[in-house]
Every structure is written in C-alpha cells, then in structure tokens.
Amino acid sequence: MSQNIINPSTNGNSTENIVENSAENNPPIQPENSAEVGETSVAQDEQVTSLGEPSPSRGFKWYDVIVILLLFFLSQGIGAFISVAIGVTPPDAALLKDSDFEIVENAESQQARFVAVTFAFAIAICFTLLTIYRILRKWESHISFRSPSWGAPFRLLCGYLFLWCVSITLEPLTSILPSDQSALGAGGWLLLSAVLLAPLLEEVVFRGYITSGIQYAYGPIAAWIISSIIFGIAHGSAGPAINATFCGFVLGFFYMRYRSLTLVIMLHAMNNLTACFLATLNLDQTPMSEILGGGKLYWSIYAVCAIITLLSFVRMYNILKHLKSNKTAY
C-alpha cells in the first residue's frame, strides 16, 4: 500500500477535491493475490507477538531422551526404596538357587511381589515426574489413552502373531546369549507386574514420550530405530535386550501407524502373558527347536517365520518412510 488514505475532514469541498484528484491520479496498488494481505498481516502480528513476549520453550531435543530415561530408572529406584520401607522386601539371592523346590517357589513369589509393588509405586512417581518435566519444558502435548479403532482386534492378532514370528526368527541367536529372568519372580504377582504394570509404564515412557518426541524432532524412521534400540538396552542382559529391541520395532510401528497407546499396551501385555504361560510350563527357557524336536517341521516353521519377519520389516519401513512427522505433538 504505497498511499496512505487520509480521512476527509468536514471543513469544505476543497479538501474533498484534493482527495478525489489524488485517488484518480494515483490509484492504490492491489496485490496480485488477495491472500497476501492476510498472510502479511498474520506474519506482522506474529512478529509483534514474538517481539513483545518471549516465545515458550517448545520442541523435543536429544537431551530430553536422556532426562526421560533418568526419570524412568529413578522412579523404579524410589519405588524399590518405598517397597522396602513398608516391609515388602526381595528374598535372599541364595534362596532363589536353593535345591529345595518349595523354598525356591516361595522365594520367587516373594521376588515377584517385590517387583509388582515396586512397579506400582514407580508408575505413580514416574508419571508425576514426567508431567512436571513436560510443564517445565512447556510442551503442549499430553499422553492420550485413545481407544483403538474398530480394527483393533484384527491388528492385535496380526501384531501378536508377528511378535511370535520375530521371536522364533531370533531364537538361534538369543538362545546362546546370556539371559536371566529370575529377577522378575514367578506366580500370581508376576502376572500383575508383567501383564499389567510393566506394559503400562514402559509403553507410556518408550512409545508415548520417547518415540513421539523423536518422531517430532527427527522423523518417524529415526524414532522407530532409536526408540527400539533404547527399549532393548533397558532390558539388561544380551538375550532379552535383542528380543526386546525387535519387539520394540513392532510396538513402535503400531504406535506411530495407528496413534493408539492403548493398542500397544494391550499388544505388549499379550506378549508378556504368553511368556508367563510358558514359564508356568517350564518352557520359557526351552528353544522351539527342542519343543518341536528339530528336523523338517522346525525348519519349515522357521523358514516361514523368517520370511514373514523380513517382508514385514521391509513393509513397515516403507510405510513409516512416508509417514509425516508429528509436528503437533510438542
């Protein structure tokens, strides 16, 4: 707008003639696109706002992953301290290796109760600390337990079967690596911690916060890979770590693809429930090759699982590669 419009005064016709002649000789310049006016005004308003007020601290940074992990482990440490303080203590390590079956069974039950109570306190503490951190970082996002869509049963079935395929495919490697699950205990308390509490805590932290944050900052592929590796490392010994990493790939894909935290919690719980069931049958440490007796049957099943795993990972990568970054999350 090169011309300033002067409001006509009420003094007489001379002023009106000046305005009319000026308008005739110098018509106002109109932008080629009327939308430019709105965009320019919006940009100016945003500039004034940014100059008038400091912009809030938004966005997900690499150090946020470290802070979230520290809060995750810190909450478990505090939960264990509270459990001991209220009298829920772990058993003596020697009892878990005793030759008496009844002593071992009681020790495993005591260990499972300690883990369950620790997880219960850890969930309350971790969620509180993460909420405080989110407020301090001025993130606008919040963890949403949106209900899965109508296709959830079919997706759960596909995810569950795919987790089995991944586990069978990795078994030749994970079976020869160190694996210690005795810290979880056994019995009914194990079901509470492994099927309910652990999936809730881990999915909120690793998918709800870490995967979502990395996806916002670096894109879906980086979120898929990095969060899965971190998820695996958090599981400790080599065997469970590798298995958890590839399970993290499946859970991470389902979360980013369908944006349902409830869906991945249920899928995680189904996987852990199967592991608990195998543990009650004393088959949790028995390779599939021994259960099926080796031979053509086992290798046929293994070949099918390996092909499904490979093709599915390629398919997941291609889908996530074209998935938009979640730029509205933070």
Protein backbone atom coordinates (compact mmCIF):
# COMPACT_ATOMS: atom_id res chain seq x y z
CA MET A 1 0.00 0.00 0.00
CA SER A 2 2.07 2.93 -1.25
CA GLN A 3 -0.60 5.52 -0.47
CA ASN A 4 -1.85 6.49 2.95
CA ILE A 5 -5.59 7.05 2.94
CA ILE A 6 -6.38 10.37 4.59
CA ASN A 7 -9.76 10.62 6.15
CA PRO A 8 -11.64 13.61 4.71
CA SER A 9 -12.23 16.45 7.10
CA THR A 10 -15.52 18.32 7.44
CA ASN A 11 -14.06 21.75 6.58
CA GLY A 12 -15.31 22.09 2.97
CA ASN A 13 -15.20 20.91 -0.66
CA SER A 14 -11.53 21.82 -1.28
CA THR A 15 -10.31 19.02 0.87
CA GLU A 16 -12.68 16.60 -0.82
CA ASN A 17 -11.41 17.62 -4.28
CA ILE A 18 -7.81 17.07 -3.24
CA VAL A 19 -8.63 13.58 -2.05
CA GLU A 20 -10.62 12.78 -5.22
CA ASN A 21 -7.85 14.04 -7.53
CA SER A 22 -5.23 12.13 -5.60
CA ALA A 23 -7.26 8.93 -5.88
CA GLU A 24 -7.77 9.41 -9.63
CA ASN A 25 -4.14 10.14 -10.42
CA ASN A 26 -2.61 7.56 -8.07
CA PRO A 27 -4.87 4.52 -7.67
CA PRO A 28 -3.92 2.21 -4.82
CA ILE A 29 -1.79 -0.78 -5.77
CA GLN A 30 -3.57 -4.06 -5.16
CA PRO A 31 -1.59 -7.27 -4.50
CA GLU A 32 -1.77 -9.94 -7.19
CA ASN A 33 -3.19 -12.39 -4.71
CA SER A 34 -5.62 -11.15 -2.11
CA ALA A 35 -4.38 -13.83 0.27
CA GLU A 36 -1.07 -11.95 0.51
CA VAL A 37 -2.78 -9.28 2.59
CA GLY A 38 -3.92 -11.82 5.17
CA GLU A 39 -0.60 -13.62 5.20
CA THR A 40 1.32 -10.37 5.57
CA SER A 41 -0.87 -9.18 8.44
CA VAL A 42 -0.60 -12.56 10.18
CA ALA A 43 3.17 -12.53 9.79
CA GLN A 44 3.32 -8.99 11.17
CA ASP A 45 1.11 -9.96 14.10
CA GLU A 46 3.32 -12.98 14.83
CA GLN A 47 6.40 -10.78 14.65
CA VAL A 48 4.91 -8.27 17.06
CA THR A 49 3.92 -11.08 19.41
CA SER A 50 7.38 -12.59 19.31
CA LEU A 51 8.94 -9.18 19.97
CA GLY A 52 6.50 -8.36 22.70
CA GLU A 53 6.70 -11.69 24.56
CA PRO A 54 9.45 -14.32 24.77
CA SER A 55 8.49 -17.46 22.86
CA PRO A 56 7.84 -20.50 25.07
CA SER A 57 10.36 -23.34 25.20
CA ARG A 58 8.89 -25.85 22.79
CA GLY A 59 10.17 -28.74 20.77
CA PHE A 60 11.85 -32.03 21.61
CA LYS A 61 15.64 -32.11 21.91
CA TRP A 62 18.08 -35.01 22.08
CA TYR A 63 18.75 -34.41 25.78
CA ASP A 64 15.07 -34.92 26.54
CA VAL A 65 15.57 -38.64 25.83
CA ILE A 66 18.28 -38.79 28.50
CA VAL A 67 16.14 -36.93 31.03
CA ILE A 68 13.12 -39.19 30.39
CA LEU A 69 15.26 -42.31 30.82
CA LEU A 70 16.76 -40.95 34.04
CA LEU A 71 13.26 -40.29 35.38
CA PHE A 72 12.20 -43.79 34.30
CA PHE A 73 15.02 -45.51 36.21
CA LEU A 74 14.92 -43.06 39.12
CA SER A 75 11.24 -43.77 39.69
CA GLN A 76 11.97 -47.51 39.88
CA GLY A 77 14.75 -46.89 42.38
CA ILE A 78 12.47 -44.77 44.53
CA GLY A 79 9.72 -47.37 44.17
CA ALA A 80 12.08 -50.11 45.38
CA PHE A 81 13.12 -47.94 48.34
CA ILE A 82 9.49 -47.35 49.32
CA SER A 83 8.69 -51.05 48.96
CA VAL A 84 11.47 -51.99 51.36
CA ALA A 85 10.43 -49.20 53.72
CA ILE A 86 6.89 -50.59 54.01
CA GLY A 87 8.14 -54.13 54.55
CA VAL A 88 7.91 -55.59 51.03
CA THR A 89 11.44 -56.86 50.60
CA PRO A 90 13.14 -59.07 47.99
CA PRO A 91 14.29 -62.54 49.07
CA ASP A 92 17.83 -63.56 49.77
CA ALA A 93 19.52 -64.31 46.43
CA ALA A 94 20.71 -67.68 47.77
CA LEU A 95 17.11 -68.81 48.24
CA LEU A 96 16.41 -68.48 44.53
CA LYS A 97 19.12 -71.10 43.85
CA ASP A 98 18.29 -73.48 46.69
CA SER A 99 17.94 -77.18 45.94
CA ASP A 100 14.58 -77.35 47.71
CA PHE A 101 11.80 -76.67 45.19
CA GLU A 102 9.39 -75.31 47.80
CA ILE A 103 11.97 -72.82 49.09
CA VAL A 104 12.68 -71.63 45.55
CA GLU A 105 8.99 -71.29 44.80
CA ASN A 106 8.37 -69.17 47.91
CA ALA A 107 11.43 -67.04 47.12
CA GLU A 108 10.24 -66.45 43.54
CA SER A 109 6.80 -65.46 44.80
CA GLN A 110 8.37 -63.03 47.26
CA GLN A 111 10.53 -61.60 44.47
CA ALA A 112 7.51 -61.18 42.19
CA ARG A 113 5.58 -59.39 44.94
CA PHE A 114 8.50 -57.03 45.49
CA VAL A 115 8.70 -56.29 41.73
CA ALA A 116 4.93 -55.70 41.47
CA VAL A 117 4.82 -53.28 44.42
CA THR A 118 7.92 -51.52 43.10
CA PHE A 119 6.32 -51.09 39.68
CA ALA A 120 3.12 -49.76 41.25
CA PHE A 121 4.99 -47.01 43.10
CA ALA A 122 7.24 -46.41 40.09
CA ILE A 123 4.25 -45.75 37.82
CA ALA A 124 2.84 -43.09 40.14
CA ILE A 125 6.24 -41.46 40.64
CA CYS A 126 7.34 -41.64 37.00
CA PHE A 127 4.08 -40.25 35.61
CA THR A 128 4.20 -37.39 38.12
CA LEU A 129 7.82 -36.53 37.30
CA LEU A 130 7.18 -36.71 33.55
CA THR A 131 4.17 -34.42 33.90
CA ILE A 132 6.25 -31.89 35.84
CA TYR A 133 9.01 -32.09 33.24
CA ARG A 134 6.50 -31.62 30.42
CA ILE A 135 5.17 -28.49 32.14
CA LEU A 136 8.68 -27.12 32.68
CA ARG A 137 9.52 -27.73 29.01
CA LYS A 138 6.19 -26.12 28.06
CA TRP A 139 5.16 -28.99 25.82
CA GLU A 140 1.55 -28.73 24.73
CA SER A 141 1.21 -32.45 24.16
CA HIS A 142 -0.18 -34.91 26.67
CA ILE A 143 -0.33 -38.66 26.86
CA SER A 144 -3.64 -39.82 25.46
CA PHE A 145 -5.09 -43.29 26.01
CA ARG A 146 -7.32 -43.03 22.98
CA SER A 147 -9.41 -46.11 22.41
CA PRO A 148 -8.32 -48.31 19.50
CA SER A 149 -10.42 -48.20 16.36
CA TRP A 150 -12.86 -50.89 15.22
CA GLY A 151 -9.98 -52.75 13.58
CA ALA A 152 -8.14 -53.24 16.88
CA PRO A 153 -8.90 -57.00 17.29
CA PHE A 154 -7.51 -57.80 13.86
CA ARG A 155 -4.48 -55.56 14.40
CA LEU A 156 -3.83 -57.13 17.79
CA LEU A 157 -3.96 -60.59 16.26
CA CYS A 158 -1.58 -59.60 13.46
CA GLY A 159 0.80 -57.93 15.91
CA TYR A 160 0.71 -60.86 18.29
CA LEU A 161 1.45 -63.40 15.54
CA PHE A 162 4.18 -61.17 14.17
CA LEU A 163 5.83 -60.96 17.60
CA TRP A 164 5.86 -64.76 17.62
CA CYS A 165 7.48 -64.82 14.17
CA VAL A 166 10.14 -62.36 15.31
CA SER A 167 10.84 -64.36 18.47
CA ILE A 168 11.21 -67.63 16.53
CA THR A 169 13.43 -65.97 13.93
CA LEU A 170 15.75 -64.58 16.61
CA GLU A 171 15.82 -67.75 18.69
CA PRO A 172 19.04 -69.26 17.23
CA LEU A 173 20.81 -66.09 18.39
CA THR A 174 19.03 -65.31 21.66
CA SER A 175 19.22 -68.92 22.88
CA ILE A 176 23.03 -68.81 23.01
CA LEU A 177 23.24 -65.39 24.68
CA PRO A 178 23.10 -64.73 28.44
CA SER A 179 19.53 -64.47 29.69
CA ASP A 180 18.41 -64.01 33.28
CA GLN A 181 14.70 -63.55 34.05
CA SER A 182 14.90 -64.67 37.69
CA ALA A 183 14.70 -61.06 38.87
CA LEU A 184 11.01 -60.97 37.89
CA GLY A 185 10.00 -63.83 40.16
CA ALA A 186 7.05 -66.14 39.50
CA GLY A 187 3.45 -66.81 40.45
CA GLY A 188 0.40 -64.57 40.55
CA TRP A 189 2.38 -61.47 41.42
CA LEU A 190 4.37 -61.95 38.21
CA LEU A 191 1.15 -61.74 36.20
CA LEU A 192 0.31 -58.42 37.86
CA SER A 193 3.68 -56.86 37.14
CA ALA A 194 4.39 -58.40 33.72
CA VAL A 195 0.91 -58.23 32.18
CA LEU A 196 -0.48 -55.02 33.68
CA LEU A 197 2.07 -52.76 35.35
CA ALA A 198 5.16 -53.19 33.16
CA PRO A 199 3.34 -52.69 29.81
CA LEU A 200 1.64 -49.56 31.15
CA LEU A 201 4.85 -47.99 32.46
CA GLU A 202 7.09 -48.97 29.56
CA GLU A 203 4.69 -48.03 26.78
CA VAL A 204 3.97 -44.61 28.22
CA VAL A 205 7.69 -43.90 28.57
CA PHE A 206 9.14 -45.52 25.46
CA ARG A 207 6.28 -45.02 23.00
CA GLY A 208 4.25 -42.18 24.50
CA TYR A 209 7.20 -39.91 25.30
CA ILE A 210 10.40 -41.10 23.61
CA THR A 211 9.02 -42.36 20.29
CA SER A 212 6.64 -39.41 19.93
CA GLY A 213 9.36 -36.92 20.82
CA ILE A 214 11.97 -38.31 18.45
CA GLN A 215 9.36 -38.50 15.69
CA TYR A 216 8.58 -34.82 16.20
CA ALA A 217 12.23 -33.79 16.14
CA TYR A 218 13.86 -36.19 13.68
CA GLY A 219 11.10 -38.03 11.80
CA PRO A 220 9.41 -41.44 12.02
CA ILE A 221 12.33 -43.61 10.82
CA ALA A 222 14.71 -42.18 13.41
CA ALA A 223 12.03 -42.58 16.08
CA TRP A 224 11.40 -46.17 15.04
CA ILE A 225 15.06 -47.20 15.16
CA ILE A 226 16.37 -45.17 18.10
CA SER A 227 13.47 -45.82 20.46
CA SER A 228 13.59 -49.56 19.73
CA ILE A 229 17.31 -49.77 20.46
CA ILE A 230 16.87 -47.83 23.69
CA PHE A 231 13.96 -50.08 24.64
CA GLY A 232 16.19 -53.14 24.11
CA ILE A 233 19.12 -51.77 26.08
CA ALA A 234 16.81 -51.00 29.00
CA HIS A 235 16.08 -54.74 29.32
CA GLY A 236 19.57 -55.61 30.51
CA SER A 237 21.22 -58.89 29.53
CA ALA A 238 22.03 -59.63 25.90
CA GLY A 239 19.33 -62.19 25.08
CA PRO A 240 16.34 -60.22 26.38
CA ALA A 241 17.86 -56.98 25.03
CA ILE A 242 17.96 -58.23 21.43
CA ASN A 243 14.48 -59.71 21.68
CA ALA A 244 13.12 -56.52 23.25
CA THR A 245 14.76 -54.40 20.54
CA PHE A 246 12.92 -56.21 17.76
CA CYS A 247 9.72 -56.27 19.79
CA GLY A 248 10.23 -52.51 20.11
CA PHE A 249 10.28 -52.25 16.32
CA VAL A 250 6.86 -53.92 16.18
CA LEU A 251 5.38 -51.89 19.03
CA GLY A 252 6.86 -48.65 17.71
CA PHE A 253 5.39 -49.25 14.27
CA PHE A 254 1.93 -49.99 15.65
CA TYR A 255 2.06 -46.87 17.80
CA MET A 256 3.14 -44.48 15.05
CA ARG A 257 0.91 -46.09 12.43
CA TYR A 258 -2.31 -46.12 14.48
CA ARG A 259 -1.55 -43.46 17.13
CA SER A 260 -3.06 -45.61 19.88
CA LEU A 261 -1.16 -46.06 23.12
CA THR A 262 -3.89 -48.38 24.34
CA LEU A 263 -3.31 -50.68 21.36
CA VAL A 264 0.41 -51.15 22.05
CA ILE A 265 -0.17 -51.61 25.79
CA MET A 266 -2.57 -54.43 25.01
CA LEU A 267 -0.16 -55.95 22.49
CA HIS A 268 2.70 -55.73 25.00
CA ALA A 269 0.51 -57.34 27.66
CA MET A 270 -0.48 -60.21 25.35
CA ASN A 271 3.17 -60.91 24.59
CA ASN A 272 4.10 -60.92 28.29
CA LEU A 273 1.11 -63.09 29.16
CA THR A 274 2.35 -65.71 26.70
CA ALA A 275 5.81 -65.59 28.27
CA CYS A 276 4.28 -66.08 31.73
CA PHE A 277 2.23 -69.02 30.48
CA LEU A 278 5.35 -70.67 29.04
CA ALA A 279 7.14 -70.06 32.34
CA THR A 280 4.44 -71.95 34.26
CA LEU A 281 5.05 -74.90 31.93
CA ASN A 282 8.82 -74.58 32.41
CA LEU A 283 9.15 -73.93 28.67
CA ASP A 284 10.32 -70.32 28.83
CA GLN A 285 13.98 -71.35 28.55
CA THR A 286 13.37 -74.22 26.14
CA PRO A 287 14.16 -73.44 22.47
CA MET A 288 11.46 -74.05 19.91
CA SER A 289 13.79 -76.47 18.15
CA GLU A 290 13.71 -78.75 21.22
CA ILE A 291 9.94 -78.45 21.63
CA LEU A 292 9.37 -79.47 18.01
CA GLY A 293 12.18 -82.00 18.03
CA GLY A 294 14.17 -80.27 15.29
CA GLY A 295 14.06 -81.74 11.82
CA LYS A 296 11.99 -80.65 8.83
CA LEU A 297 8.98 -79.46 10.83
CA TYR A 298 11.00 -76.98 12.85
CA TRP A 299 13.00 -75.67 9.91
CA SER A 300 9.86 -75.31 7.80
CA ILE A 301 8.23 -73.23 10.53
CA TYR A 302 11.46 -71.28 10.99
CA ALA A 303 11.71 -70.51 7.26
CA VAL A 304 8.12 -69.26 7.15
CA CYS A 305 8.65 -67.07 10.25
CA ALA A 306 11.92 -65.68 8.88
CA ILE A 307 10.31 -64.77 5.54
CA ILE A 308 7.32 -63.14 7.25
CA THR A 309 9.65 -61.20 9.54
CA LEU A 310 11.83 -59.95 6.71
CA LEU A 311 8.96 -58.92 4.46
CA SER A 312 7.08 -57.31 7.34
CA PHE A 313 10.07 -55.20 8.38
CA VAL A 314 10.51 -54.02 4.80
CA ARG A 315 6.82 -53.17 4.66
CA MET A 316 6.94 -51.32 8.00
CA TYR A 317 9.95 -49.32 6.87
CA ASN A 318 8.22 -48.27 3.64
CA ILE A 319 5.07 -47.22 5.50
CA LEU A 320 6.96 -45.22 8.11
CA LYS A 321 9.17 -43.61 5.49
CA HIS A 322 6.10 -41.90 4.04
CA LEU A 323 4.58 -41.12 7.41
CA LYS A 324 4.57 -37.45 8.26
CA SER A 325 6.43 -36.24 11.32
CA ASN A 326 4.20 -35.49 14.27
CA LYS A 327 4.71 -31.74 14.27
CA THR A 328 1.72 -31.02 16.50
CA ALA A 329 2.89 -33.09 19.44
CA TYR A 330 5.19 -30.61 21.16
